[in-house]
């Protein structure tokens, strides 16, 4: 088992905060771009309006 500090991190494209790897993302970590469903929704809305 790894410590949380040893897990990979990314920066959320919507809010700019850092977020850590989660077990549910193990299959597609490379494609994860946002930290939450809310950020995903906000990112999609901003891309549609632009």
PDB file of N, CA and C in Angstrom:
ATOM      1  N   UNK A   1       0.838  -1.177   0.000  1.00  0.00           N
ATOM      2  CA  UNK A   1       0.000   0.000   0.000  1.00  0.00           C
ATOM      3  C   UNK A   1       0.885   1.243   0.000  1.00  0.00           C
ATOM      4  N   UNK A   2       0.476   2.231  -0.768  1.00  0.00           N
ATOM      5  CA  UNK A   2       1.238   3.471  -0.874  1.00  0.00           C
ATOM      6  C   UNK A   2       0.642   4.552   0.014  1.00  0.00           C
ATOM      7  N   UNK A   3       1.488   5.463   0.417  1.00  0.00           N
ATOM      8  CA  UNK A   3       1.015   6.635   1.140  1.00  0.00           C
ATOM      9  C   UNK A   3       0.395   7.602   0.145  1.00  0.00           C
ATOM     10  N   UNK A   4      -0.521   8.399   0.602  1.00  0.00           N
ATOM     11  CA  UNK A   4      -1.180   9.355  -0.290  1.00  0.00           C
ATOM     12  C   UNK A   4      -0.171  10.326  -0.913  1.00  0.00           C
ATOM     13  N   UNK A   5       0.863  10.651  -0.172  1.00  0.00           N
ATOM     14  CA  UNK A   5       1.872  11.571  -0.693  1.00  0.00           C
ATOM     15  C   UNK A   5       2.680  10.952  -1.834  1.00  0.00           C
ATOM     16  N   UNK A   6       2.650   9.637  -1.974  1.00  0.00           N
ATOM     17  CA  UNK A   6       3.389   8.956  -3.037  1.00  0.00           C
ATOM     18  C   UNK A   6       2.560   8.750  -4.305  1.00  0.00           C
ATOM     19  N   UNK A   7       1.268   9.050  -4.260  1.00  0.00           N
ATOM     20  CA  UNK A   7       0.399   8.859  -5.419  1.00  0.00           C
ATOM     21  C   UNK A   7       0.645   9.959  -6.451  1.00  0.00           C
ATOM     22  N   UNK A   8       0.455   9.640  -7.731  1.00  0.00           N
ATOM     23  CA  UNK A   8       0.622  10.666  -8.756  1.00  0.00           C
ATOM     24  C   UNK A   8      -0.435  11.761  -8.627  1.00  0.00           C
ATOM     25  N   UNK A   9      -0.079  12.955  -9.064  1.00  0.00           N
ATOM     26  CA  UNK A   9      -0.993  14.093  -9.007  1.00  0.00           C
ATOM     27  C   UNK A   9      -1.103  14.741 -10.369  1.00  0.00           C
ATOM     28  N   UNK A  10      -2.205  15.443 -10.572  1.00  0.00           N
ATOM     29  CA  UNK A  10      -2.434  16.256 -11.771  1.00  0.00           C
ATOM     30  C   UNK A  10      -3.041  17.579 -11.328  1.00  0.00           C
ATOM     31  N   UNK A  11      -3.050  18.528 -12.242  1.00  0.00           N
ATOM     32  CA  UNK A  11      -3.693  19.820 -12.026  1.00  0.00           C
ATOM     33  C   UNK A  11      -5.011  19.814 -12.796  1.00  0.00           C
ATOM     34  N   UNK A  12      -6.085  20.167 -12.123  1.00  0.00           N
ATOM     35  CA  UNK A  12      -7.409  20.206 -12.741  1.00  0.00           C
ATOM     36  C   UNK A  12      -7.446  21.309 -13.799  1.00  0.00           C
ATOM     37  N   UNK A  13      -7.953  20.966 -14.994  1.00  0.00           N
ATOM     38  CA  UNK A  13      -8.022  21.955 -16.078  1.00  0.00           C
ATOM     39  C   UNK A  13      -9.097  22.998 -15.839  1.00  0.00           C
ATOM     40  N   UNK A  14     -10.069  22.708 -15.005  1.00  0.00           N
ATOM     41  CA  UNK A  14     -11.161  23.653 -14.757  1.00  0.00           C
ATOM     42  C   UNK A  14     -10.855  24.617 -13.621  1.00  0.00           C
ATOM     43  N   UNK A  15     -10.400  24.092 -12.481  1.00  0.00           N
ATOM     44  CA  UNK A  15     -10.224  24.953 -11.299  1.00  0.00           C
ATOM     45  C   UNK A  15      -8.763  25.224 -10.963  1.00  0.00           C
ATOM     46  N   UNK A  16      -7.837  24.458 -11.514  1.00  0.00           N
ATOM     47  CA  UNK A  16      -6.421  24.698 -11.277  1.00  0.00           C
ATOM     48  C   UNK A  16      -5.857  24.087 -10.009  1.00  0.00           C
ATOM     49  N   UNK A  17      -6.670  23.342  -9.274  1.00  0.00           N
ATOM     50  CA  UNK A  17      -6.190  22.695  -8.053  1.00  0.00           C
ATOM     51  C   UNK A  17      -5.531  21.357  -8.376  1.00  0.00           C
ATOM     52  N   UNK A  18      -4.640  20.938  -7.506  1.00  0.00           N
ATOM     53  CA  UNK A  18      -4.003  19.634  -7.650  1.00  0.00           C
ATOM     54  C   UNK A  18      -4.938  18.552  -7.103  1.00  0.00           C
ATOM     55  N   UNK A  19      -4.968  17.404  -7.776  1.00  0.00           N
ATOM     56  CA  UNK A  19      -5.735  16.268  -7.266  1.00  0.00           C
ATOM     57  C   UNK A  19      -4.936  14.995  -7.470  1.00  0.00           C
ATOM     58  N   UNK A  20      -5.159  14.032  -6.577  1.00  0.00           N
ATOM     59  CA  UNK A  20      -4.398  12.790  -6.567  1.00  0.00           C
ATOM     60  C   UNK A  20      -5.132  11.662  -7.277  1.00  0.00           C
ATOM     61  N   UNK A  21      -4.364  10.657  -7.624  1.00  0.00           N
ATOM     62  CA  UNK A  21      -4.880   9.448  -8.246  1.00  0.00           C
ATOM     63  C   UNK A  21      -5.905   8.793  -7.334  1.00  0.00           C
ATOM     64  N   UNK A  22      -6.947   8.230  -7.941  1.00  0.00           N
ATOM     65  CA  UNK A  22      -7.965   7.491  -7.200  1.00  0.00           C
ATOM     66  C   UNK A  22      -8.112   6.113  -7.816  1.00  0.00           C
ATOM     67  N   UNK A  23      -8.496   5.174  -7.000  1.00  0.00           N
ATOM     68  CA  UNK A  23      -8.625   3.790  -7.463  1.00  0.00           C
ATOM     69  C   UNK A  23      -9.602   3.683  -8.636  1.00  0.00           C
ATOM     70  N   UNK A  24     -10.681   4.458  -8.627  1.00  0.00           N
ATOM     71  CA  UNK A  24     -11.668   4.377  -9.710  1.00  0.00           C
ATOM     72  C   UNK A  24     -11.104   4.870 -11.049  1.00  0.00           C
ATOM     73  N   UNK A  25      -9.981   5.590 -11.030  1.00  0.00           N
ATOM     74  CA  UNK A  25      -9.361   6.098 -12.252  1.00  0.00           C
ATOM     75  C   UNK A  25      -8.224   5.214 -12.736  1.00  0.00           C
ATOM     76  N   UNK A  26      -8.016   4.044 -12.141  1.00  0.00           N
ATOM     77  CA  UNK A  26      -6.847   3.218 -12.465  1.00  0.00           C
ATOM     78  C   UNK A  26      -6.809   2.808 -13.931  1.00  0.00           C
ATOM     79  N   UNK A  27      -7.955   2.635 -14.586  1.00  0.00           N
ATOM     80  CA  UNK A  27      -8.000   2.204 -15.986  1.00  0.00           C
ATOM     81  C   UNK A  27      -7.709   3.342 -16.961  1.00  0.00           C
ATOM     82  N   UNK A  28      -8.065   4.567 -16.607  1.00  0.00           N
ATOM     83  CA  UNK A  28      -7.931   5.668 -17.559  1.00  0.00           C
ATOM     84  C   UNK A  28      -7.330   6.943 -16.948  1.00  0.00           C
ATOM     85  N   UNK A  29      -6.333   6.785 -16.107  1.00  0.00           N
ATOM     86  CA  UNK A  29      -5.698   7.938 -15.454  1.00  0.00           C
ATOM     87  C   UNK A  29      -5.166   8.943 -16.466  1.00  0.00           C
ATOM     88  N   UNK A  30      -4.683   8.477 -17.604  1.00  0.00           N
ATOM     89  CA  UNK A  30      -4.128   9.386 -18.607  1.00  0.00           C
ATOM     90  C   UNK A  30      -5.189  10.311 -19.201  1.00  0.00           C
ATOM     91  N   UNK A  31      -6.439   9.886 -19.219  1.00  0.00           N
ATOM     92  CA  UNK A  31      -7.489  10.709 -19.810  1.00  0.00           C
ATOM     93  C   UNK A  31      -8.226  11.588 -18.795  1.00  0.00           C
ATOM     94  N   UNK A  32      -7.961  11.417 -17.502  1.00  0.00           N
ATOM     95  CA  UNK A  32      -8.616  12.230 -16.468  1.00  0.00           C
ATOM     96  C   UNK A  32      -8.051  13.649 -16.523  1.00  0.00           C
ATOM     97  N   UNK A  33      -8.956  14.637 -16.626  1.00  0.00           N
ATOM     98  CA  UNK A  33      -8.530  16.029 -16.756  1.00  0.00           C
ATOM     99  C   UNK A  33      -9.058  16.924 -15.643  1.00  0.00           C
ATOM    100  N   UNK A  34     -10.116  16.481 -14.980  1.00  0.00           N
ATOM    101  CA  UNK A  34     -10.730  17.302 -13.949  1.00  0.00           C
ATOM    102  C   UNK A  34     -10.815  16.545 -12.623  1.00  0.00           C
ATOM    103  N   UNK A  35     -10.912  17.277 -11.528  1.00  0.00           N
ATOM    104  CA  UNK A  35     -10.901  16.668 -10.197  1.00  0.00           C
ATOM    105  C   UNK A  35     -12.271  16.192  -9.740  1.00  0.00           C
ATOM    106  N   UNK A  36     -13.341  16.686 -10.359  1.00  0.00           N
ATOM    107  CA  UNK A  36     -14.680  16.326  -9.892  1.00  0.00           C
ATOM    108  C   UNK A  36     -15.685  16.431 -11.039  1.00  0.00           C
ATOM    109  N   UNK A  37     -16.875  15.916 -10.788  1.00  0.00           N
ATOM    110  CA  UNK A  37     -17.945  16.027 -11.782  1.00  0.00           C
ATOM    111  C   UNK A  37     -18.341  17.487 -11.982  1.00  0.00           C
ATOM    112  N   UNK A  38     -18.306  18.264 -10.925  1.00  0.00           N
ATOM    113  CA  UNK A  38     -18.650  19.680 -11.044  1.00  0.00           C
ATOM    114  C   UNK A  38     -17.667  20.409 -11.974  1.00  0.00           C
ATOM    115  N   UNK A  39     -16.377  20.135 -11.801  1.00  0.00           N
ATOM    116  CA  UNK A  39     -15.374  20.763 -12.660  1.00  0.00           C
ATOM    117  C   UNK A  39     -15.530  20.293 -14.105  1.00  0.00           C
ATOM    118  N   UNK A  40     -15.859  19.029 -14.289  1.00  0.00           N
ATOM    119  CA  UNK A  40     -16.076  18.504 -15.635  1.00  0.00           C
ATOM    120  C   UNK A  40     -17.239  19.226 -16.305  1.00  0.00           C
ATOM    121  N   UNK A  41     -18.327  19.424 -15.553  1.00  0.00           N
ATOM    122  CA  UNK A  41     -19.502  20.126 -16.069  1.00  0.00           C
ATOM    123  C   UNK A  41     -19.160  21.582 -16.402  1.00  0.00           C
ATOM    124  N   UNK A  42     -18.419  22.244 -15.524  1.00  0.00           N
ATOM    125  CA  UNK A  42     -18.033  23.639 -15.755  1.00  0.00           C
ATOM    126  C   UNK A  42     -17.115  23.770 -16.963  1.00  0.00           C
ATOM    127  N   UNK A  43     -16.200  22.822 -17.130  1.00  0.00           N
ATOM    128  CA  UNK A  43     -15.268  22.854 -18.260  1.00  0.00           C
ATOM    129  C   UNK A  43     -16.023  22.675 -19.577  1.00  0.00           C
ATOM    130  N   UNK A  44     -16.962  21.760 -19.594  1.00  0.00           N
ATOM    131  CA  UNK A  44     -17.766  21.533 -20.808  1.00  0.00           C
ATOM    132  C   UNK A  44     -18.585  22.771 -21.148  1.00  0.00           C
ATOM    133  N   UNK A  45     -19.182  23.396 -20.132  1.00  0.00           N
ATOM    134  CA  UNK A  45     -19.992  24.584 -20.361  1.00  0.00           C
ATOM    135  C   UNK A  45     -19.150  25.731 -20.895  1.00  0.00           C
ATOM    136  N   UNK A  46     -17.942  25.890 -20.382  1.00  0.00           N
ATOM    137  CA  UNK A  46     -17.081  26.979 -20.848  1.00  0.00           C
ATOM    138  C   UNK A  46     -16.592  26.727 -22.269  1.00  0.00           C
ATOM    139  N   UNK A  47     -16.393  25.470 -22.628  1.00  0.00           N
ATOM    140  CA  UNK A  47     -15.947  25.155 -24.003  1.00  0.00           C
ATOM    141  C   UNK A  47     -17.085  25.348 -24.998  1.00  0.00           C
ATOM    142  N   UNK A  48     -18.330  25.069 -24.570  1.00  0.00           N
ATOM    143  CA  UNK A  48     -19.474  25.268 -25.464  1.00  0.00           C
ATOM    144  C   UNK A  48     -19.703  26.740 -25.752  1.00  0.00           C
ATOM    145  N   UNK A  49     -19.553  27.583 -24.730  1.00  0.00           N
ATOM    146  CA  UNK A  49     -19.827  29.010 -24.892  1.00  0.00           C
ATOM    147  C   UNK A  49     -18.707  29.741 -25.625  1.00  0.00           C
ATOM    148  N   UNK A  50     -17.553  29.148 -25.695  1.00  0.00           N
ATOM    149  CA  UNK A  50     -16.421  29.808 -26.347  1.00  0.00           C
ATOM    150  C   UNK A  50     -16.402  29.600 -27.838  1.00  0.00           C
TER     151      UNK A  50
END
